[in-house]
Amino acid sequence: MSMSLFVILALDCDTTTTKLNEYSDELGYSIQYEKEIELKTHSGFLPATVSGKAAGVESYSFPVKELPDFFQVLVPQQLTNGLVYQFRFGARESEAVSAFSTAILLNTKCNGITIDDQTGTVIPVEQLIQGLSYFD
């Protein structure tokens, strides 16, 4: 079974993997992404390493207006014209670590929100950090 985290960000957020690597270093996370990938246009597997081991997550992006209505009502007004970054992961721990780490970095540095596709609730950064700790 796969799960997804939907990260909603304003359009002006820099979502290149070069910038994500800077965020990761600055915030002390062990994830590093393959260079020169723009998440705004990327679709498919996003390669990364976590603590030097191969990892990654499926990554897709689309406009907020394409979210199902029951998720759209959770999006703050200032993000309604933004983009959704979907991080989809399965049973592999490295995929979950990649998804949670990426959501934490983007929410922290770009003032976004994350929605859990299973519960349909907004997950605060503090909860994402707590969730990530279960995988370490």
N, C-alpha and C. Protein backbone atom coordinates (compact mmCIF):
# COMPACT_ATOMS: atom_id res chain seq x y z
N MET A 1 0.84 -1.18 0.00
CA MET A 1 0.00 0.00 0.00
C MET A 1 0.89 1.24 0.00
N SER A 2 0.54 2.20 -0.81
CA SER A 2 1.31 3.43 -0.82
C SER A 2 0.54 4.53 -0.10
N MET A 3 1.30 5.49 0.39
CA MET A 3 0.76 6.66 1.07
C MET A 3 1.36 7.88 0.41
N SER A 4 0.72 9.02 0.62
CA SER A 4 1.24 10.28 0.07
C SER A 4 1.17 11.38 1.11
N LEU A 5 2.16 12.24 1.03
CA LEU A 5 2.13 13.51 1.73
C LEU A 5 1.97 14.57 0.65
N PHE A 6 0.99 15.44 0.81
CA PHE A 6 0.79 16.56 -0.11
C PHE A 6 1.34 17.81 0.56
N VAL A 7 2.39 18.37 -0.01
CA VAL A 7 2.98 19.60 0.51
C VAL A 7 2.53 20.74 -0.39
N ILE A 8 1.87 21.73 0.21
CA ILE A 8 1.36 22.85 -0.56
C ILE A 8 2.23 24.07 -0.28
N LEU A 9 2.75 24.67 -1.36
CA LEU A 9 3.66 25.81 -1.26
C LEU A 9 3.24 26.92 -2.20
N ALA A 10 3.66 28.13 -1.88
CA ALA A 10 3.46 29.25 -2.79
C ALA A 10 4.35 29.04 -4.02
N LEU A 11 3.97 29.68 -5.11
CA LEU A 11 4.71 29.51 -6.36
C LEU A 11 6.14 30.03 -6.30
N ASP A 12 6.42 30.99 -5.43
CA ASP A 12 7.75 31.59 -5.41
C ASP A 12 8.79 30.80 -4.62
N CYS A 13 8.43 29.68 -4.07
CA CYS A 13 9.39 28.86 -3.33
C CYS A 13 10.38 28.20 -4.30
N ASP A 14 11.66 28.25 -3.96
CA ASP A 14 12.70 27.59 -4.76
C ASP A 14 12.70 26.10 -4.42
N THR A 15 12.26 25.29 -5.36
CA THR A 15 12.14 23.85 -5.11
C THR A 15 13.14 23.04 -5.93
N THR A 16 14.29 23.63 -6.20
CA THR A 16 15.34 22.85 -6.87
C THR A 16 16.02 21.96 -5.83
N THR A 17 16.55 20.84 -6.29
CA THR A 17 17.24 19.96 -5.36
C THR A 17 18.53 20.59 -4.84
N THR A 18 19.10 21.50 -5.61
CA THR A 18 20.27 22.24 -5.12
C THR A 18 19.89 23.01 -3.87
N LYS A 19 18.74 23.69 -3.90
CA LYS A 19 18.26 24.45 -2.75
C LYS A 19 17.85 23.51 -1.61
N LEU A 20 17.21 22.39 -1.95
CA LEU A 20 16.85 21.41 -0.91
C LEU A 20 18.09 20.90 -0.18
N ASN A 21 19.16 20.68 -0.91
CA ASN A 21 20.41 20.24 -0.27
C ASN A 21 20.94 21.31 0.68
N GLU A 22 20.82 22.57 0.28
CA GLU A 22 21.21 23.68 1.17
C GLU A 22 20.35 23.67 2.43
N TYR A 23 19.02 23.53 2.26
CA TYR A 23 18.10 23.47 3.40
C TYR A 23 18.48 22.32 4.33
N SER A 24 18.76 21.16 3.75
CA SER A 24 19.10 19.97 4.52
C SER A 24 20.36 20.21 5.35
N ASP A 25 21.37 20.78 4.73
CA ASP A 25 22.62 21.08 5.45
C ASP A 25 22.37 22.09 6.56
N GLU A 26 21.62 23.14 6.25
CA GLU A 26 21.35 24.21 7.21
C GLU A 26 20.58 23.70 8.43
N LEU A 27 19.60 22.82 8.17
CA LEU A 27 18.74 22.34 9.26
C LEU A 27 19.25 21.05 9.91
N GLY A 28 20.36 20.51 9.40
CA GLY A 28 20.97 19.34 10.03
C GLY A 28 20.33 18.01 9.70
N TYR A 29 19.77 17.88 8.51
CA TYR A 29 19.18 16.60 8.09
C TYR A 29 20.19 15.81 7.27
N SER A 30 20.02 14.51 7.22
CA SER A 30 21.01 13.63 6.56
C SER A 30 20.63 13.29 5.13
N ILE A 31 19.62 13.96 4.57
CA ILE A 31 19.21 13.65 3.21
C ILE A 31 19.92 14.59 2.22
N GLN A 32 20.34 14.02 1.10
CA GLN A 32 20.93 14.79 0.00
C GLN A 32 20.27 14.30 -1.29
N TYR A 33 19.89 15.25 -2.13
CA TYR A 33 19.17 14.94 -3.37
C TYR A 33 20.11 14.99 -4.56
N GLU A 34 19.75 14.24 -5.61
CA GLU A 34 20.49 14.35 -6.87
C GLU A 34 20.37 15.80 -7.34
N LYS A 35 21.46 16.32 -7.84
CA LYS A 35 21.52 17.75 -8.20
C LYS A 35 20.71 18.09 -9.45
N GLU A 36 20.33 19.36 -9.49
CA GLU A 36 19.72 19.99 -10.67
C GLU A 36 18.36 19.42 -11.08
N ILE A 37 17.55 19.04 -10.13
CA ILE A 37 16.18 18.62 -10.42
C ILE A 37 15.25 19.71 -9.88
N GLU A 38 14.31 20.14 -10.69
CA GLU A 38 13.32 21.14 -10.29
C GLU A 38 12.02 20.40 -9.98
N LEU A 39 11.61 20.43 -8.71
CA LEU A 39 10.41 19.70 -8.31
C LEU A 39 9.14 20.22 -8.97
N LYS A 40 9.13 21.48 -9.38
CA LYS A 40 7.94 22.05 -10.02
C LYS A 40 7.62 21.33 -11.33
N THR A 41 8.64 20.76 -11.98
CA THR A 41 8.43 20.10 -13.27
C THR A 41 8.77 18.62 -13.24
N HIS A 42 9.32 18.15 -12.14
CA HIS A 42 9.74 16.75 -12.04
C HIS A 42 8.53 15.84 -11.81
N SER A 43 8.59 14.68 -12.42
CA SER A 43 7.54 13.68 -12.24
C SER A 43 8.20 12.30 -12.21
N GLY A 44 8.01 11.58 -11.12
CA GLY A 44 8.59 10.25 -11.01
C GLY A 44 9.51 10.14 -9.81
N PHE A 45 10.43 9.20 -9.89
CA PHE A 45 11.31 8.93 -8.75
C PHE A 45 12.31 10.06 -8.56
N LEU A 46 12.40 10.54 -7.33
CA LEU A 46 13.35 11.59 -6.95
C LEU A 46 14.48 10.92 -6.17
N PRO A 47 15.63 10.72 -6.81
CA PRO A 47 16.73 10.02 -6.14
C PRO A 47 17.38 10.87 -5.05
N ALA A 48 17.75 10.20 -3.96
CA ALA A 48 18.40 10.86 -2.84
C ALA A 48 19.26 9.85 -2.10
N THR A 49 20.02 10.34 -1.16
CA THR A 49 20.72 9.47 -0.22
C THR A 49 20.36 9.95 1.19
N VAL A 50 20.23 9.00 2.09
CA VAL A 50 19.98 9.30 3.50
C VAL A 50 21.09 8.64 4.29
N SER A 51 21.86 9.45 4.99
CA SER A 51 23.02 8.94 5.74
C SER A 51 23.94 8.13 4.83
N GLY A 52 24.08 8.59 3.59
CA GLY A 52 24.98 7.95 2.63
C GLY A 52 24.42 6.72 1.94
N LYS A 53 23.20 6.31 2.25
CA LYS A 53 22.59 5.13 1.63
C LYS A 53 21.54 5.56 0.61
N ALA A 54 21.43 4.79 -0.46
CA ALA A 54 20.46 5.09 -1.52
C ALA A 54 19.05 5.17 -0.95
N ALA A 55 18.34 6.19 -1.39
CA ALA A 55 16.96 6.42 -0.94
C ALA A 55 16.24 7.18 -2.05
N GLY A 56 15.10 7.73 -1.72
CA GLY A 56 14.34 8.52 -2.68
C GLY A 56 12.86 8.33 -2.48
N VAL A 57 12.08 9.05 -3.26
CA VAL A 57 10.64 9.04 -3.13
C VAL A 57 10.03 9.42 -4.47
N GLU A 58 8.83 8.96 -4.75
CA GLU A 58 8.12 9.40 -5.94
C GLU A 58 7.64 10.83 -5.71
N SER A 59 7.80 11.66 -6.71
CA SER A 59 7.48 13.08 -6.58
C SER A 59 6.69 13.55 -7.80
N TYR A 60 5.60 14.26 -7.53
CA TYR A 60 4.76 14.83 -8.58
C TYR A 60 4.32 16.22 -8.14
N SER A 61 4.01 17.09 -9.07
CA SER A 61 3.48 18.41 -8.70
C SER A 61 2.30 18.76 -9.60
N PHE A 62 1.39 19.54 -9.03
CA PHE A 62 0.21 19.98 -9.77
C PHE A 62 -0.41 21.17 -9.03
N PRO A 63 -1.25 21.95 -9.71
CA PRO A 63 -1.87 23.12 -9.09
C PRO A 63 -2.82 22.73 -7.95
N VAL A 64 -2.93 23.60 -6.96
CA VAL A 64 -3.81 23.35 -5.81
C VAL A 64 -5.24 23.07 -6.28
N LYS A 65 -5.68 23.76 -7.33
CA LYS A 65 -7.07 23.59 -7.79
C LYS A 65 -7.37 22.17 -8.26
N GLU A 66 -6.32 21.36 -8.48
CA GLU A 66 -6.53 19.96 -8.88
C GLU A 66 -6.62 19.00 -7.70
N LEU A 67 -6.44 19.51 -6.48
CA LEU A 67 -6.65 18.68 -5.30
C LEU A 67 -8.14 18.35 -5.17
N PRO A 68 -8.47 17.18 -4.64
CA PRO A 68 -9.89 16.91 -4.37
C PRO A 68 -10.46 17.97 -3.42
N ASP A 69 -11.74 18.27 -3.57
CA ASP A 69 -12.39 19.32 -2.78
C ASP A 69 -12.19 19.15 -1.28
N PHE A 70 -12.24 17.90 -0.79
CA PHE A 70 -12.12 17.69 0.66
C PHE A 70 -10.73 18.01 1.17
N PHE A 71 -9.72 18.09 0.30
CA PHE A 71 -8.38 18.55 0.69
C PHE A 71 -8.26 20.06 0.48
N GLN A 72 -8.91 20.59 -0.55
CA GLN A 72 -8.81 22.02 -0.86
C GLN A 72 -9.29 22.89 0.30
N VAL A 73 -10.29 22.43 1.04
CA VAL A 73 -10.81 23.23 2.15
C VAL A 73 -9.78 23.40 3.27
N LEU A 74 -8.73 22.59 3.28
CA LEU A 74 -7.68 22.68 4.29
C LEU A 74 -6.57 23.67 3.93
N VAL A 75 -6.58 24.12 2.68
CA VAL A 75 -5.50 24.98 2.18
C VAL A 75 -5.76 26.43 2.56
N PRO A 76 -4.79 27.07 3.25
CA PRO A 76 -4.96 28.49 3.60
C PRO A 76 -5.08 29.36 2.35
N GLN A 77 -5.80 30.45 2.49
CA GLN A 77 -6.06 31.35 1.36
C GLN A 77 -4.79 31.76 0.63
N GLN A 78 -3.70 32.04 1.36
CA GLN A 78 -2.47 32.52 0.72
C GLN A 78 -1.79 31.45 -0.13
N LEU A 79 -2.22 30.20 -0.03
CA LEU A 79 -1.62 29.12 -0.82
C LEU A 79 -2.54 28.57 -1.91
N THR A 80 -3.73 29.14 -2.07
CA THR A 80 -4.70 28.58 -3.02
C THR A 80 -4.25 28.68 -4.48
N ASN A 81 -3.33 29.57 -4.78
CA ASN A 81 -2.79 29.67 -6.14
C ASN A 81 -1.44 28.99 -6.27
N GLY A 82 -1.06 28.23 -5.26
CA GLY A 82 0.25 27.59 -5.25
C GLY A 82 0.26 26.23 -5.94
N LEU A 83 1.29 25.49 -5.61
CA LEU A 83 1.46 24.14 -6.17
C LEU A 83 1.43 23.10 -5.06
N VAL A 84 0.95 21.92 -5.43
CA VAL A 84 0.98 20.76 -4.56
C VAL A 84 2.15 19.90 -4.99
N TYR A 85 2.95 19.49 -4.02
CA TYR A 85 4.03 18.53 -4.27
C TYR A 85 3.64 17.25 -3.56
N GLN A 86 3.40 16.22 -4.36
CA GLN A 86 2.99 14.93 -3.81
C GLN A 86 4.23 14.06 -3.65
N PHE A 87 4.45 13.58 -2.43
CA PHE A 87 5.54 12.65 -2.15
C PHE A 87 4.91 11.32 -1.77
N ARG A 88 5.04 10.36 -2.67
CA ARG A 88 4.37 9.07 -2.54
C ARG A 88 5.39 8.02 -2.15
N PHE A 89 5.07 7.25 -1.13
CA PHE A 89 6.00 6.24 -0.65
C PHE A 89 5.27 4.96 -0.27
N GLY A 90 6.02 3.87 -0.29
CA GLY A 90 5.46 2.56 0.04
C GLY A 90 6.04 2.04 1.34
N ALA A 91 6.27 0.76 1.39
CA ALA A 91 6.69 0.09 2.61
C ALA A 91 8.17 0.26 2.94
N ARG A 92 8.97 0.71 1.98
CA ARG A 92 10.40 0.86 2.25
C ARG A 92 10.65 2.06 3.17
N GLU A 93 11.39 1.79 4.23
CA GLU A 93 11.69 2.83 5.21
C GLU A 93 12.41 4.02 4.57
N SER A 94 13.30 3.76 3.63
CA SER A 94 14.06 4.84 3.00
C SER A 94 13.15 5.79 2.23
N GLU A 95 12.05 5.28 1.67
CA GLU A 95 11.09 6.13 0.97
C GLU A 95 10.34 7.02 1.96
N ALA A 96 9.93 6.45 3.08
CA ALA A 96 9.23 7.23 4.10
C ALA A 96 10.13 8.32 4.66
N VAL A 97 11.39 7.98 4.95
CA VAL A 97 12.34 8.97 5.46
C VAL A 97 12.52 10.08 4.43
N SER A 98 12.63 9.73 3.17
CA SER A 98 12.77 10.73 2.11
C SER A 98 11.54 11.64 2.04
N ALA A 99 10.35 11.06 2.10
CA ALA A 99 9.11 11.84 2.02
C ALA A 99 8.98 12.78 3.21
N PHE A 100 9.16 12.26 4.42
CA PHE A 100 9.02 13.08 5.62
C PHE A 100 10.09 14.17 5.67
N SER A 101 11.33 13.82 5.36
CA SER A 101 12.41 14.81 5.38
C SER A 101 12.14 15.93 4.39
N THR A 102 11.71 15.58 3.18
CA THR A 102 11.44 16.57 2.16
C THR A 102 10.30 17.49 2.59
N ALA A 103 9.25 16.91 3.15
CA ALA A 103 8.13 17.72 3.63
C ALA A 103 8.57 18.68 4.74
N ILE A 104 9.40 18.21 5.65
CA ILE A 104 9.90 19.06 6.73
C ILE A 104 10.71 20.23 6.17
N LEU A 105 11.64 19.92 5.26
CA LEU A 105 12.48 20.97 4.69
C LEU A 105 11.65 22.02 3.97
N LEU A 106 10.73 21.58 3.12
CA LEU A 106 9.92 22.52 2.35
C LEU A 106 8.98 23.34 3.23
N ASN A 107 8.34 22.69 4.19
CA ASN A 107 7.45 23.44 5.08
C ASN A 107 8.21 24.45 5.93
N THR A 108 9.36 24.06 6.43
CA THR A 108 10.15 24.94 7.29
C THR A 108 10.69 26.14 6.53
N LYS A 109 11.22 25.92 5.35
CA LYS A 109 11.87 26.99 4.60
C LYS A 109 10.92 27.78 3.70
N CYS A 110 9.77 27.20 3.34
CA CYS A 110 8.87 27.86 2.39
C CYS A 110 7.49 28.16 2.97
N ASN A 111 7.32 27.94 4.28
CA ASN A 111 6.05 28.25 4.94
C ASN A 111 4.85 27.56 4.29
N GLY A 112 5.00 26.28 4.02
CA GLY A 112 3.92 25.52 3.42
C GLY A 112 3.14 24.73 4.45
N ILE A 113 2.27 23.88 3.95
CA ILE A 113 1.54 22.94 4.82
C ILE A 113 1.64 21.56 4.19
N THR A 114 1.45 20.55 5.03
CA THR A 114 1.43 19.16 4.55
C THR A 114 0.09 18.53 4.93
N ILE A 115 -0.49 17.83 3.96
CA ILE A 115 -1.73 17.09 4.19
C ILE A 115 -1.43 15.61 4.02
N ASP A 116 -1.88 14.81 4.97
CA ASP A 116 -1.77 13.35 4.91
C ASP A 116 -2.94 12.83 4.07
N ASP A 117 -2.64 12.08 3.03
CA ASP A 117 -3.72 11.60 2.15
C ASP A 117 -4.60 10.54 2.80
N GLN A 118 -4.10 9.86 3.83
CA GLN A 118 -4.88 8.80 4.47
C GLN A 118 -5.92 9.36 5.45
N THR A 119 -5.53 10.37 6.22
CA THR A 119 -6.44 10.92 7.23
C THR A 119 -7.13 12.20 6.77
N GLY A 120 -6.57 12.83 5.73
CA GLY A 120 -7.14 14.08 5.25
C GLY A 120 -6.96 15.22 6.23
N THR A 121 -5.87 15.18 6.99
CA THR A 121 -5.60 16.22 7.97
C THR A 121 -4.28 16.91 7.68
N VAL A 122 -4.17 18.15 8.15
CA VAL A 122 -2.92 18.89 8.05
C VAL A 122 -1.98 18.36 9.13
N ILE A 123 -0.74 18.11 8.73
CA ILE A 123 0.27 17.62 9.67
C ILE A 123 1.27 18.75 9.93
N PRO A 124 1.31 19.27 11.16
CA PRO A 124 2.28 20.32 11.47
C PRO A 124 3.72 19.78 11.38
N VAL A 125 4.67 20.68 11.18
CA VAL A 125 6.07 20.29 11.07
C VAL A 125 6.51 19.49 12.29
N GLU A 126 6.05 19.89 13.46
CA GLU A 126 6.44 19.18 14.69
C GLU A 126 6.03 17.71 14.63
N GLN A 127 4.86 17.44 14.08
CA GLN A 127 4.40 16.05 13.94
C GLN A 127 5.20 15.31 12.88
N LEU A 128 5.57 15.99 11.81
CA LEU A 128 6.41 15.37 10.78
C LEU A 128 7.76 14.98 11.37
N ILE A 129 8.32 15.87 12.18
CA ILE A 129 9.60 15.57 12.84
C ILE A 129 9.45 14.38 13.77
N GLN A 130 8.37 14.35 14.52
CA GLN A 130 8.12 13.22 15.41
C GLN A 130 7.95 11.93 14.61
N GLY A 131 7.22 11.99 13.51
CA GLY A 131 7.03 10.82 12.66
C GLY A 131 8.35 10.33 12.08
N LEU A 132 9.20 11.27 11.67
CA LEU A 132 10.51 10.91 11.13
C LEU A 132 11.35 10.18 12.15
N SER A 133 11.21 10.55 13.42
CA SER A 133 12.02 9.91 14.48
C SER A 133 11.72 8.42 14.62
N TYR A 134 10.55 7.98 14.20
CA TYR A 134 10.22 6.55 14.27
C TYR A 134 11.03 5.72 13.29
N PHE A 135 11.58 6.37 12.27
CA PHE A 135 12.33 5.65 11.24
C PHE A 135 13.83 5.63 11.53
N ASP A 136 14.28 6.43 12.49
CA ASP A 136 15.72 6.48 12.78
C ASP A 136 16.17 5.38 13.73
